[in-house]
Amino acid sequence: MTAQAIGALVHSSDAVTGRAPAVLAVRQLRLTEFRNYRQLRLDCDASPVVLVGANGTGKTNLLEALSFLAPGRGLRRARLDEVCRRPVGAREAAMSWAVAAALDTPDGPLTIGTGMEPAKGEAGLPRRVVRIDGRPTQSQTVLGRHVAIVWLTPQLDRLFLDGPGERRRFLDRLVTALHPEHAGDVAAYDHALRQRARLLAEGNRDPHWLTALEDTMARHGVALAAQRADTVHRLDAAARMGVGSFPRAGLAMAGEIDGWLASMAAIDAEDRLRAELAAGRAADAEAGTTFFGPHRSDLAVRHLDLDLPAADGSTGQQKALLVSIALAHARLVALSRGRPPLLLLDEIAAHLDAERRAALFDEVMALGAQCWMTGTDAHLFKPLAGRAQVLRVADRSIAADYPPV
């Protein structure tokens, strides 16, 4: 879908407007050629949203659409062309997709449109376009200034067991909710990191080109590491308090550059990273990796109530710890930005006992967050009866279901 079409889709939204509320909430969501939805319009209020239905009906697709209101590749980390609807029996998928949302924010009504613009020419690549209140933006990173979103999916249940890359990506979403510029620093650093690696792999040792890339890596790398450090420091204090019956968590950054920032000024850390990168060109080229930088850092998490690393806990303990961190972060965002983030919790209730489900629901209501939750069993959401909008998803259709059965 072209940028003009996305803009038209946004402006066709007629969601309720008026005095700015104290929360961030999606009032209308519109999809075009997105996953299993050819066209969809969903109107809702600012209360939590529960999406109930059988597996494969499109519940998670709705959460993924919402996740594209933030910078990045969405909760599935899909390529742009993978998101296009593919009709049953069709040989090819649609050529584009679009997501448009009308939101209430403390600053007033806001419309966001985003989607894939097809490649121009045989050598071109599809690109993501973003419009804010109908005006095109130069980069998707601007979304972070307007919308903070945090999500938990079943795939994150292995967060403490998988490699550090998954934990860095999870952390970077938390950081962006507090430091909207963080997404831009991450993108700039990653781009320079890839360019430098490509040059070294090709045997190109042009000192001027490499120096320029390493300068970019140093500036943006130290900036993003400092933002991570600030977020983890504040989140650690919040997570140590615990949330209801959820466990208390301790968080810390683990990495060489993180140690530098703890003992020296940021400008000195930049100089040191530049020097390490320049000195390590030959070793990096031989190994096919870059040995220094924030892409080597990790997030260390500890289950404080059991006094053990998160990775050593049971599956249920790790799930509870992850939810506890997400809720503590939502509290922190609410205090820092004046409203909680949008929470996207996919299949969240199935692996929590009744006490923790009730604690989760009570915390969501206390935060005043618009939390979107999915599940196959409506009965698990019974404590939210009268406090949330329950929608039944079936065969690409959505209908209100009050209260949950």
Protein backbone atom coordinates (compact mmCIF):
# COMPACT_ATOMS: atom_id res chain seq x y z
CA MET A 1 0.00 0.00 0.00
CA THR A 2 1.35 3.43 -0.90
CA ALA A 3 1.99 6.18 1.61
CA GLN A 4 -0.99 8.09 0.17
CA ALA A 5 -3.27 5.10 0.73
CA ILE A 6 -2.08 4.72 4.30
CA GLY A 7 -2.73 8.41 4.89
CA ALA A 8 -6.26 8.05 3.54
CA LEU A 9 -6.85 5.05 5.76
CA VAL A 10 -5.76 7.03 8.81
CA HIS A 11 -7.95 10.03 7.98
CA SER A 12 -10.98 7.78 7.46
CA SER A 13 -10.85 6.95 11.17
CA ASP A 14 -13.72 8.59 13.08
CA ALA A 15 -12.86 7.45 16.61
CA VAL A 16 -14.13 9.45 19.55
CA THR A 17 -12.19 12.63 20.24
CA GLY A 18 -12.39 15.19 23.00
CA ARG A 19 -10.53 16.16 26.13
CA ALA A 20 -7.21 14.35 26.48
CA PRO A 21 -7.33 11.41 28.90
CA ALA A 22 -4.60 10.43 31.34
CA VAL A 23 -3.92 7.16 29.53
CA LEU A 24 -2.65 5.95 26.20
CA ALA A 25 -5.38 3.96 24.47
CA VAL A 26 -6.25 2.70 21.00
CA ARG A 27 -9.81 3.75 20.19
CA GLN A 28 -9.92 2.38 16.67
CA LEU A 29 -7.77 -0.11 14.78
CA ARG A 30 -7.98 -0.60 11.01
CA LEU A 31 -6.15 -3.28 9.05
CA THR A 32 -5.75 -3.78 5.32
CA GLU A 33 -4.23 -6.97 3.84
CA PHE A 34 -2.59 -7.74 7.19
CA ARG A 35 -1.94 -11.43 7.92
CA ASN A 36 -5.36 -13.15 7.79
CA TYR A 37 -7.34 -9.88 7.69
CA ARG A 38 -8.28 -8.45 4.29
CA GLN A 39 -10.12 -5.54 5.91
CA LEU A 40 -10.87 -4.93 9.56
CA ARG A 41 -12.19 -2.08 11.63
CA LEU A 42 -12.23 -2.52 15.40
CA ASP A 43 -13.64 0.18 17.70
CA CYS A 44 -13.01 -0.01 21.42
CA ASP A 45 -12.82 2.09 24.57
CA ALA A 46 -9.86 2.78 26.82
CA SER A 47 -10.40 -0.20 29.14
CA PRO A 48 -8.42 -3.47 28.85
CA VAL A 49 -9.23 -5.66 25.85
CA VAL A 50 -9.53 -9.44 26.03
CA LEU A 51 -9.43 -11.35 22.74
CA VAL A 52 -10.80 -14.88 23.11
CA GLY A 53 -10.91 -17.54 20.42
CA ALA A 54 -9.52 -20.80 19.13
CA ASN A 55 -5.94 -21.08 17.99
CA GLY A 56 -5.37 -19.81 14.46
CA THR A 57 -8.26 -17.34 14.37
CA GLY A 58 -6.06 -14.24 14.31
CA LYS A 59 -5.78 -13.11 17.94
CA THR A 60 -2.00 -12.79 17.90
CA ASN A 61 -2.19 -11.11 14.49
CA LEU A 62 -4.12 -8.27 16.13
CA LEU A 63 -1.44 -7.88 18.78
CA GLU A 64 1.21 -7.90 16.06
CA ALA A 65 -0.62 -5.14 14.22
CA LEU A 66 -0.62 -3.05 17.40
CA SER A 67 3.08 -3.73 17.92
CA PHE A 68 3.79 -1.97 14.61
CA LEU A 69 2.68 1.28 16.26
CA ALA A 70 6.14 1.24 17.86
CA PRO A 71 9.53 1.29 16.12
CA GLY A 72 10.95 -2.04 15.02
CA ARG A 73 9.86 -5.25 13.37
CA GLY A 74 6.88 -6.05 15.56
CA LEU A 75 6.41 -8.79 18.10
CA ARG A 76 7.17 -11.58 15.62
CA ARG A 77 10.22 -9.77 14.16
CA ALA A 78 8.81 -10.54 10.71
CA ARG A 79 10.09 -9.17 7.42
CA LEU A 80 7.77 -6.60 5.88
CA ASP A 81 6.71 -8.92 3.06
CA GLU A 82 5.92 -11.76 5.50
CA VAL A 83 3.11 -9.69 7.03
CA CYS A 84 1.11 -9.40 3.79
CA ARG A 85 -2.10 -11.42 3.66
CA ARG A 86 -1.87 -14.62 1.64
CA PRO A 87 -5.34 -15.81 0.61
CA VAL A 88 -5.97 -19.55 0.83
CA GLY A 89 -4.98 -21.19 -2.43
CA ALA A 90 -3.34 -18.04 -3.79
CA ARG A 91 0.07 -18.40 -5.38
CA GLU A 92 1.24 -14.99 -4.21
CA ALA A 93 0.61 -12.79 -1.20
CA ALA A 94 -0.77 -9.26 -1.35
CA MET A 95 1.66 -6.57 -2.48
CA SER A 96 1.29 -4.37 0.60
CA TRP A 97 -0.31 -4.04 4.02
CA ALA A 98 -1.40 -1.21 6.28
CA VAL A 99 -2.20 -0.61 9.94
CA ALA A 100 -3.96 2.55 11.08
CA ALA A 101 -4.92 3.49 14.59
CA ALA A 102 -6.71 6.36 16.28
CA LEU A 103 -5.42 6.84 19.80
CA ASP A 104 -6.25 8.86 22.87
CA THR A 105 -3.17 10.31 24.53
CA PRO A 106 -2.62 12.77 27.38
CA ASP A 107 -1.65 15.28 24.67
CA GLY A 108 -4.85 14.80 22.69
CA PRO A 109 -6.12 12.56 19.88
CA LEU A 110 -3.47 11.06 17.59
CA THR A 111 -3.63 9.02 14.40
CA ILE A 112 -0.86 6.72 13.24
CA GLY A 113 -0.63 4.93 9.94
CA THR A 114 2.09 2.50 8.93
CA GLY A 115 2.60 -0.22 6.39
CA MET A 116 4.65 -1.62 3.58
CA GLU A 117 5.29 0.29 0.40
CA PRO A 118 6.17 -2.06 -2.49
CA ALA A 119 9.66 -2.05 -3.96
CA LYS A 120 10.35 0.47 -6.70
CA GLY A 121 12.13 -1.19 -9.59
CA GLU A 122 13.62 -4.65 -9.86
CA ALA A 123 16.56 -3.86 -7.58
CA GLY A 124 14.49 -2.07 -4.96
CA LEU A 125 13.29 -3.36 -1.62
CA PRO A 126 9.94 -2.84 0.08
CA ARG A 127 10.07 -0.22 2.79
CA ARG A 128 8.01 0.69 5.79
CA VAL A 129 6.24 4.05 5.72
CA VAL A 130 4.86 5.90 8.73
CA ARG A 131 2.43 8.80 8.98
CA ILE A 132 1.58 10.74 12.13
CA ASP A 133 -1.69 12.69 11.93
CA GLY A 134 -1.52 12.29 8.16
CA ARG A 135 1.99 13.70 7.78
CA PRO A 136 4.81 11.43 6.54
CA THR A 137 7.81 10.92 8.80
CA GLN A 138 11.41 10.38 7.76
CA SER A 139 11.91 7.45 10.09
CA GLN A 140 9.81 4.98 12.05
CA THR A 141 11.83 5.84 15.17
CA VAL A 142 9.57 8.89 15.66
CA LEU A 143 6.85 6.47 16.78
CA GLY A 144 8.67 6.06 20.08
CA ARG A 145 7.95 9.68 20.97
CA HIS A 146 4.23 9.07 20.83
CA VAL A 147 3.62 5.43 21.76
CA ALA A 148 5.25 3.16 24.33
CA ILE A 149 4.43 -0.53 23.90
CA VAL A 150 5.66 -3.57 25.78
CA TRP A 151 4.67 -7.11 24.91
CA LEU A 152 5.02 -10.60 26.29
CA THR A 153 4.55 -13.62 24.03
CA PRO A 154 4.94 -17.37 24.61
CA GLN A 155 8.24 -17.19 22.71
CA LEU A 156 9.65 -14.98 25.49
CA ASP A 157 9.10 -17.77 28.02
CA ARG A 158 12.66 -18.90 27.14
CA LEU A 159 14.11 -15.42 27.57
CA PHE A 160 16.36 -16.40 30.46
CA LEU A 161 17.52 -19.60 28.74
CA ASP A 162 18.19 -18.33 25.21
CA GLY A 163 21.22 -16.35 24.09
CA PRO A 164 21.95 -12.75 25.12
CA GLY A 165 20.65 -11.39 21.80
CA GLU A 166 17.05 -12.13 22.80
CA ARG A 167 17.53 -10.42 26.16
CA ARG A 168 19.08 -7.36 24.49
CA ARG A 169 16.12 -7.04 22.13
CA PHE A 170 13.69 -7.39 25.04
CA LEU A 171 15.62 -4.82 27.04
CA ASP A 172 15.81 -2.39 24.12
CA ARG A 173 12.00 -2.35 23.93
CA LEU A 174 11.87 -1.49 27.62
CA VAL A 175 14.49 1.22 27.14
CA THR A 176 12.68 2.80 24.17
CA ALA A 177 9.54 3.18 26.27
CA LEU A 178 11.56 5.43 28.61
CA HIS A 179 14.06 6.89 26.12
CA PRO A 180 12.29 7.30 22.75
CA GLU A 181 15.58 8.24 21.04
CA HIS A 182 16.99 4.81 21.94
CA ALA A 183 15.50 3.12 18.87
CA GLY A 184 17.38 5.54 16.63
CA ASP A 185 20.67 4.91 18.42
CA VAL A 186 20.20 1.14 18.15
CA ALA A 187 19.38 1.39 14.43
CA ALA A 188 22.36 3.65 13.69
CA TYR A 189 24.76 1.46 15.68
CA ASP A 190 23.55 -1.78 14.09
CA HIS A 191 23.81 -0.32 10.59
CA ALA A 192 27.38 0.86 11.16
CA LEU A 193 28.26 -2.49 12.77
CA ARG A 194 27.03 -4.39 9.71
CA GLN A 195 28.80 -2.03 7.29
CA ARG A 196 32.11 -2.36 9.14
CA ALA A 197 31.79 -6.16 9.25
CA ARG A 198 31.07 -6.25 5.52
CA LEU A 199 34.14 -4.15 4.70
CA LEU A 200 36.39 -6.30 6.86
CA ALA A 201 34.99 -9.50 5.34
CA GLU A 202 35.73 -8.14 1.85
CA GLY A 203 39.29 -7.31 2.85
CA ASN A 204 38.67 -3.58 2.51
CA ARG A 205 40.88 -1.85 5.10
CA ASP A 206 40.29 1.75 3.90
CA PRO A 207 41.21 3.61 7.12
CA HIS A 208 39.05 6.66 6.38
CA TRP A 209 35.91 4.63 5.74
CA LEU A 210 36.48 2.36 8.73
CA THR A 211 37.27 5.29 11.00
CA ALA A 212 34.02 6.99 10.03
CA LEU A 213 32.02 3.83 10.75
CA GLU A 214 33.80 3.28 14.07
CA ASP A 215 33.08 6.86 15.07
CA THR A 216 29.39 6.24 14.42
CA MET A 217 29.54 3.03 16.42
CA ALA A 218 31.27 4.78 19.32
CA ARG A 219 28.85 7.70 19.51
CA HIS A 220 25.64 5.72 19.15
CA GLY A 221 26.97 2.66 20.98
CA VAL A 222 27.87 4.57 24.13
CA ALA A 223 24.59 6.50 23.96
CA LEU A 224 22.49 3.31 23.77
CA ALA A 225 24.59 1.64 26.48
CA ALA A 226 24.05 4.64 28.76
CA GLN A 227 20.28 4.51 28.10
CA ARG A 228 20.26 0.79 28.90
CA ALA A 229 22.19 1.44 32.11
CA ASP A 230 19.76 4.17 33.21
CA THR A 231 16.72 2.01 32.48
CA VAL A 232 18.11 -1.08 34.19
CA HIS A 233 19.12 0.95 37.25
CA ARG A 234 15.63 2.40 37.61
CA LEU A 235 13.86 -0.83 36.70
CA ASP A 236 15.94 -2.77 39.20
CA ALA A 237 14.70 -0.47 41.97
CA ALA A 238 11.09 -0.92 40.82
CA ALA A 239 11.32 -4.70 40.30
CA ARG A 240 12.84 -5.23 43.76
CA MET A 241 9.58 -4.00 45.27
CA GLY A 242 7.61 -6.81 43.65
CA VAL A 243 4.10 -6.69 42.22
CA GLY A 244 1.36 -8.45 44.18
CA SER A 245 2.06 -12.17 44.39
CA PHE A 246 4.70 -12.00 41.64
CA PRO A 247 8.35 -12.51 42.63
CA ARG A 248 10.85 -9.74 43.18
CA ALA A 249 13.55 -9.40 40.53
CA GLY A 250 17.06 -7.98 40.48
CA LEU A 251 18.47 -6.67 37.20
CA ALA A 252 21.94 -5.58 36.11
CA MET A 253 23.87 -5.02 32.90
CA ALA A 254 26.73 -7.42 32.19
CA GLY A 255 29.31 -6.42 29.62
CA GLU A 256 32.66 -4.74 29.13
CA ILE A 257 31.30 -1.44 27.88
CA ASP A 258 28.83 -1.43 30.77
CA GLY A 259 31.77 -1.65 33.14
CA TRP A 260 33.42 1.28 31.39
CA LEU A 261 30.35 3.46 31.86
CA ALA A 262 30.27 2.62 35.55
CA SER A 263 33.81 3.96 36.02
CA MET A 264 34.32 6.72 33.45
CA ALA A 265 32.53 9.56 31.67
CA ALA A 266 30.60 8.76 28.50
CA ILE A 267 32.96 10.81 26.33
CA ASP A 268 35.91 8.80 27.64
CA ALA A 269 34.03 5.57 26.95
CA GLU A 270 33.49 6.75 23.35
CA ASP A 271 37.21 7.34 22.92
CA ARG A 272 38.03 3.95 24.36
CA LEU A 273 35.54 2.17 22.11
CA ARG A 274 36.97 3.95 19.04
CA ALA A 275 40.45 2.83 20.04
CA GLU A 276 39.39 -0.78 20.69
CA LEU A 277 37.58 -0.98 17.34
CA ALA A 278 40.53 0.44 15.43
CA ALA A 279 43.00 -1.87 17.17
CA GLY A 280 40.77 -4.89 16.64
CA ARG A 281 40.22 -4.66 12.90
CA ALA A 282 42.51 -7.56 12.02
CA ALA A 283 41.16 -9.82 14.77
CA ASP A 284 37.55 -8.95 13.91
CA ALA A 285 38.17 -9.67 10.22
CA GLU A 286 39.72 -13.05 11.00
CA ALA A 287 37.01 -14.09 13.45
CA GLY A 288 34.10 -12.70 11.43
CA THR A 289 32.71 -10.87 14.45
CA THR A 290 33.20 -7.62 16.38
CA PHE A 291 34.61 -8.21 19.83
CA PHE A 292 33.89 -4.85 21.45
CA GLY A 293 30.67 -2.88 21.74
CA PRO A 294 27.21 -2.88 23.35
CA HIS A 295 26.12 -5.72 21.04
CA ARG A 296 28.15 -7.98 23.38
CA SER A 297 26.29 -6.92 26.54
CA ASP A 298 23.75 -9.03 28.39
CA LEU A 299 20.92 -8.47 30.85
CA ALA A 300 21.47 -10.38 34.09
CA VAL A 301 18.27 -11.20 36.01
CA ARG A 302 18.02 -12.75 39.46
CA HIS A 303 15.02 -14.22 41.28
CA LEU A 304 15.42 -12.41 44.58
CA ASP A 305 12.86 -14.39 46.59
CA LEU A 306 14.68 -17.64 45.79
CA ASP A 307 18.14 -16.04 45.59
CA LEU A 308 19.06 -17.68 42.30
CA PRO A 309 19.70 -16.67 38.68
CA ALA A 310 16.52 -16.50 36.63
CA ALA A 311 17.80 -19.22 34.30
CA ASP A 312 17.96 -21.69 37.20
CA GLY A 313 14.28 -21.32 38.11
CA SER A 314 11.46 -23.56 36.95
CA THR A 315 9.40 -22.70 33.88
CA GLY A 316 6.61 -21.34 36.07
CA GLN A 317 9.03 -19.29 38.16
CA GLN A 318 10.61 -17.80 35.05
CA LYS A 319 7.17 -16.89 33.64
CA ALA A 320 6.15 -15.21 36.88
CA LEU A 321 9.45 -13.32 37.00
CA LEU A 322 9.00 -12.09 33.43
CA VAL A 323 5.49 -10.83 34.17
CA SER A 324 6.76 -9.15 37.33
CA ILE A 325 9.43 -7.27 35.35
CA ALA A 326 6.91 -6.18 32.70
CA LEU A 327 4.50 -4.85 35.33
CA ALA A 328 7.27 -3.07 37.24
CA HIS A 329 8.36 -1.49 33.95
CA ALA A 330 4.80 -0.37 33.22
CA ARG A 331 4.74 1.36 36.62
CA LEU A 332 8.05 3.03 35.84
CA VAL A 333 6.83 4.27 32.43
CA ALA A 334 3.64 5.62 34.01
CA LEU A 335 5.69 7.65 36.50
CA SER A 336 8.25 8.81 33.93
CA ARG A 337 6.02 9.62 30.95
CA GLY A 338 2.77 10.40 32.71
CA ARG A 339 0.88 7.39 31.32
CA PRO A 340 1.48 3.65 31.26
CA PRO A 341 2.49 1.92 28.03
CA LEU A 342 0.19 -0.21 25.94
CA LEU A 343 0.58 -3.77 27.18
CA LEU A 344 0.26 -6.67 24.73
CA LEU A 345 0.06 -9.98 26.59
CA ASP A 346 -0.32 -13.00 24.31
CA GLU A 347 -1.70 -16.19 25.94
CA ILE A 348 -0.84 -14.68 29.30
CA ALA A 349 -3.42 -16.36 31.56
CA ALA A 350 -2.96 -20.02 30.62
CA HIS A 351 0.27 -20.53 32.57
CA LEU A 352 -0.56 -18.48 35.68
CA ASP A 353 -2.40 -19.85 38.69
CA ALA A 354 -5.63 -18.22 39.88
CA GLU A 355 -3.87 -16.06 42.47
CA ARG A 356 -1.41 -14.62 39.98
CA ARG A 357 -4.06 -14.13 37.31
CA ALA A 358 -6.04 -12.05 39.80
CA ALA A 359 -2.88 -10.13 40.75
CA LEU A 360 -2.15 -9.43 37.09
CA PHE A 361 -5.67 -8.19 36.39
CA ASP A 362 -5.71 -6.02 39.51
CA GLU A 363 -2.37 -4.44 38.60
CA VAL A 364 -3.54 -3.69 35.04
CA MET A 365 -6.64 -1.99 36.41
CA ALA A 366 -4.63 -0.06 39.01
CA LEU A 367 -2.23 1.16 36.32
CA GLY A 368 -5.09 2.35 34.15
CA ALA A 369 -3.33 0.73 31.20
CA GLN A 370 -5.06 -0.41 28.06
CA CYS A 371 -3.83 -3.98 28.14
CA TRP A 372 -4.60 -6.28 25.22
CA MET A 373 -4.71 -9.95 26.29
CA THR A 374 -5.39 -13.09 24.28
CA GLY A 375 -6.50 -16.57 25.32
CA THR A 376 -8.46 -19.60 24.22
CA ASP A 377 -10.36 -20.05 27.50
CA ALA A 378 -12.73 -17.19 28.33
CA HIS A 379 -13.27 -18.57 31.83
CA LEU A 380 -9.71 -17.60 32.82
CA PHE A 381 -10.63 -13.93 32.36
CA LYS A 382 -13.76 -14.10 34.51
CA PRO A 383 -12.27 -11.77 37.20
CA LEU A 384 -12.27 -9.01 34.54
CA ALA A 385 -16.04 -9.21 33.98
CA GLY A 386 -17.42 -5.71 33.95
CA ARG A 387 -13.92 -4.20 33.96
CA ALA A 388 -12.74 -5.08 30.46
CA GLN A 389 -14.12 -5.38 26.96
CA VAL A 390 -14.17 -9.05 25.97
CA LEU A 391 -14.15 -9.76 22.25
CA ARG A 392 -14.56 -13.15 20.62
CA VAL A 393 -12.39 -13.75 17.56
CA ALA A 394 -13.50 -16.34 15.02
CA ASP A 395 -12.73 -16.76 11.34
CA ARG A 396 -11.39 -13.21 10.89
CA SER A 397 -14.47 -11.74 12.57
CA ILE A 398 -14.73 -10.08 15.98
CA ALA A 399 -17.79 -9.80 18.17
CA ALA A 400 -18.38 -8.44 21.66
CA ASP A 401 -18.80 -11.07 24.36
CA TYR A 402 -19.91 -9.53 27.65
CA PRO A 403 -19.22 -10.89 30.20
CA PRO A 404 -16.74 -13.76 29.66
CA VAL A 405 -18.43 -17.11 29.98
